[in-house]
Amino acid sequence: MPQAAAKFTSREEDGALALPHEEHVLTRTYGVRGRAIVRIEAGLPFRQVLARDIRDVRYIAGAKYNKGLRELIAYYRTHFPELMQKPLSPRSQ
């Protein structure tokens, strides 16, 4: 998460959340939907795409994966802090 096709990081460095197949197929980025999403979201900041993916997982499974999602966020904060920075608001520039 986000999907490797978004190319925020290399495939080897991407963070992931393991879901059973029956839940994975329900996600917004599975299969054909994923190919469309990567085009639609091209240019969006990493944090925004990750937040959308987190909301999607929570919509599908509720709080079931909260621990894994927290670990995923911690992974990105530790290894890719530049991706996790909030964008500057227009007023602060």
C-alpha atoms as a PDB file:
ATOM      1  CA  MET A   1       0.000   0.000   0.000  1.00  0.00           C
ATOM      2  CA  PRO A   2      -0.159   2.119  -1.990  1.00  0.00           C
ATOM      3  CA  GLN A   3      -0.081  -0.202  -4.965  1.00  0.00           C
ATOM      4  CA  ALA A   4       3.346  -0.775  -6.520  1.00  0.00           C
ATOM      5  CA  ALA A   5       2.091   0.585  -9.856  1.00  0.00           C
ATOM      6  CA  ALA A   6       1.959   4.060  -8.274  1.00  0.00           C
ATOM      7  CA  LYS A   7       5.780   3.899  -8.036  1.00  0.00           C
ATOM      8  CA  PHE A   8       6.191   5.962  -4.889  1.00  0.00           C
ATOM      9  CA  THR A   9       8.914   3.521  -3.812  1.00  0.00           C
ATOM     10  CA  SER A  10      10.564   0.509  -5.410  1.00  0.00           C
ATOM     11  CA  ARG A  11       8.638  -2.767  -5.334  1.00  0.00           C
ATOM     12  CA  GLU A  12      11.232  -4.136  -2.887  1.00  0.00           C
ATOM     13  CA  GLU A  13      10.683  -1.231  -0.481  1.00  0.00           C
ATOM     14  CA  ASP A  14       6.887  -0.975  -0.726  1.00  0.00           C
ATOM     15  CA  GLY A  15       4.935  -1.464   2.476  1.00  0.00           C
ATOM     16  CA  ALA A  16       2.099  -3.972   2.437  1.00  0.00           C
ATOM     17  CA  LEU A  17      -0.868  -5.204   4.416  1.00  0.00           C
ATOM     18  CA  ALA A  18      -1.634  -8.908   4.063  1.00  0.00           C
ATOM     19  CA  LEU A  19      -5.323  -9.528   3.422  1.00  0.00           C
ATOM     20  CA  PRO A  20      -7.114 -12.791   2.703  1.00  0.00           C
ATOM     21  CA  HIS A  21      -7.905 -13.095  -1.011  1.00  0.00           C
ATOM     22  CA  GLU A  22     -11.659 -12.692  -0.442  1.00  0.00           C
ATOM     23  CA  GLU A  23     -11.037  -9.269   1.122  1.00  0.00           C
ATOM     24  CA  HIS A  24      -8.267  -8.266  -1.261  1.00  0.00           C
ATOM     25  CA  VAL A  25     -10.565  -8.645  -4.287  1.00  0.00           C
ATOM     26  CA  LEU A  26     -12.920  -6.095  -2.703  1.00  0.00           C
ATOM     27  CA  THR A  27     -10.269  -3.366  -2.517  1.00  0.00           C
ATOM     28  CA  ARG A  28     -10.314  -0.374  -4.807  1.00  0.00           C
ATOM     29  CA  THR A  29      -6.902  -1.258  -6.246  1.00  0.00           C
ATOM     30  CA  TYR A  30      -7.492  -4.917  -7.101  1.00  0.00           C
ATOM     31  CA  GLY A  31      -7.172  -6.010 -10.736  1.00  0.00           C
ATOM     32  CA  VAL A  32      -8.713  -3.781 -13.404  1.00  0.00           C
ATOM     33  CA  ARG A  33      -9.845  -1.243 -10.781  1.00  0.00           C
ATOM     34  CA  GLY A  34      -6.224  -0.841  -9.719  1.00  0.00           C
ATOM     35  CA  ARG A  35      -5.087   0.000 -13.234  1.00  0.00           C
ATOM     36  CA  ALA A  36      -7.764   2.681 -13.468  1.00  0.00           C
ATOM     37  CA  ILE A  37      -7.008   4.068  -9.994  1.00  0.00           C
ATOM     38  CA  VAL A  38      -3.283   4.461 -10.695  1.00  0.00           C
ATOM     39  CA  ARG A  39      -4.122   6.602 -13.753  1.00  0.00           C
ATOM     40  CA  ILE A  40      -6.770   8.645 -11.938  1.00  0.00           C
ATOM     41  CA  GLU A  41      -4.519   9.308  -8.948  1.00  0.00           C
ATOM     42  CA  ALA A  42      -1.345  10.068 -10.892  1.00  0.00           C
ATOM     43  CA  GLY A  43       0.196  13.187  -9.403  1.00  0.00           C
ATOM     44  CA  LEU A  44      -1.544  12.938  -6.030  1.00  0.00           C
ATOM     45  CA  PRO A  45       0.715  13.052  -2.964  1.00  0.00           C
ATOM     46  CA  PHE A  46       1.698   9.758  -1.328  1.00  0.00           C
ATOM     47  CA  ARG A  47      -0.115  10.612   1.920  1.00  0.00           C
ATOM     48  CA  GLN A  48      -3.378  11.194   0.103  1.00  0.00           C
ATOM     49  CA  VAL A  49      -3.185   7.908  -1.809  1.00  0.00           C
ATOM     50  CA  LEU A  50      -2.220   6.000   1.345  1.00  0.00           C
ATOM     51  CA  ALA A  51      -5.112   7.598   3.248  1.00  0.00           C
ATOM     52  CA  ARG A  52      -7.534   6.511   0.516  1.00  0.00           C
ATOM     53  CA  ASP A  53      -6.213   2.958   0.710  1.00  0.00           C
ATOM     54  CA  ILE A  54      -6.508   2.930   4.501  1.00  0.00           C
ATOM     55  CA  ARG A  55     -10.105   4.186   4.327  1.00  0.00           C
ATOM     56  CA  ASP A  56     -10.843   1.487   1.759  1.00  0.00           C
ATOM     57  CA  VAL A  57      -9.507  -1.287   4.007  1.00  0.00           C
ATOM     58  CA  ARG A  58     -11.472   0.085   6.960  1.00  0.00           C
ATOM     59  CA  TYR A  59     -14.642   0.247   4.837  1.00  0.00           C
ATOM     60  CA  ILE A  60     -14.192  -3.425   3.913  1.00  0.00           C
ATOM     61  CA  ALA A  61     -12.988  -4.824   7.244  1.00  0.00           C
ATOM     62  CA  GLY A  62     -13.679  -2.244   9.935  1.00  0.00           C
ATOM     63  CA  ALA A  63     -11.018  -2.074  12.636  1.00  0.00           C
ATOM     64  CA  LYS A  64      -9.799  -5.631  12.011  1.00  0.00           C
ATOM     65  CA  TYR A  65      -6.487  -4.460  10.492  1.00  0.00           C
ATOM     66  CA  ASN A  66      -5.836  -1.349  12.593  1.00  0.00           C
ATOM     67  CA  LYS A  67      -2.665  -2.819  14.125  1.00  0.00           C
ATOM     68  CA  GLY A  68      -1.250  -3.676  10.698  1.00  0.00           C
ATOM     69  CA  LEU A  69      -2.213  -0.268   9.335  1.00  0.00           C
ATOM     70  CA  ARG A  70      -0.468   1.465  12.244  1.00  0.00           C
ATOM     71  CA  GLU A  71       2.633  -0.650  11.578  1.00  0.00           C
ATOM     72  CA  LEU A  72       2.473   0.271   7.888  1.00  0.00           C
ATOM     73  CA  ILE A  73       2.293   3.984   8.715  1.00  0.00           C
ATOM     74  CA  ALA A  74       5.217   3.599  11.155  1.00  0.00           C
ATOM     75  CA  TYR A  75       7.226   1.825   8.438  1.00  0.00           C
ATOM     76  CA  TYR A  76       6.750   4.711   6.032  1.00  0.00           C
ATOM     77  CA  ARG A  77       7.446   7.340   8.715  1.00  0.00           C
ATOM     78  CA  THR A  78      10.724   5.596   9.546  1.00  0.00           C
ATOM     79  CA  HIS A  79      11.929   4.686   6.052  1.00  0.00           C
ATOM     80  CA  PHE A  80      10.334   7.388   3.885  1.00  0.00           C
ATOM     81  CA  PRO A  81       9.706  10.437   6.087  1.00  0.00           C
ATOM     82  CA  GLU A  82       9.681  12.707   3.019  1.00  0.00           C
ATOM     83  CA  LEU A  83       6.636  10.831   1.666  1.00  0.00           C
ATOM     84  CA  MET A  84       4.810  11.213   4.972  1.00  0.00           C
ATOM     85  CA  GLN A  85       5.260  14.986   5.265  1.00  0.00           C
ATOM     86  CA  LYS A  86       2.126  17.065   5.032  1.00  0.00           C
ATOM     87  CA  PRO A  87       2.152  19.321   1.979  1.00  0.00           C
ATOM     88  CA  LEU A  88       2.524  23.019   2.744  1.00  0.00           C
ATOM     89  CA  SER A  89      -0.702  24.940   2.662  1.00  0.00           C
ATOM     90  CA  PRO A  90      -0.817  27.784   0.106  1.00  0.00           C
ATOM     91  CA  ARG A  91      -0.960  30.333   2.962  1.00  0.00           C
ATOM     92  CA  SER A  92       2.304  29.114   4.546  1.00  0.00           C
ATOM     93  CA  GLN A  93       4.376  29.359   1.358  1.00  0.00           C
END
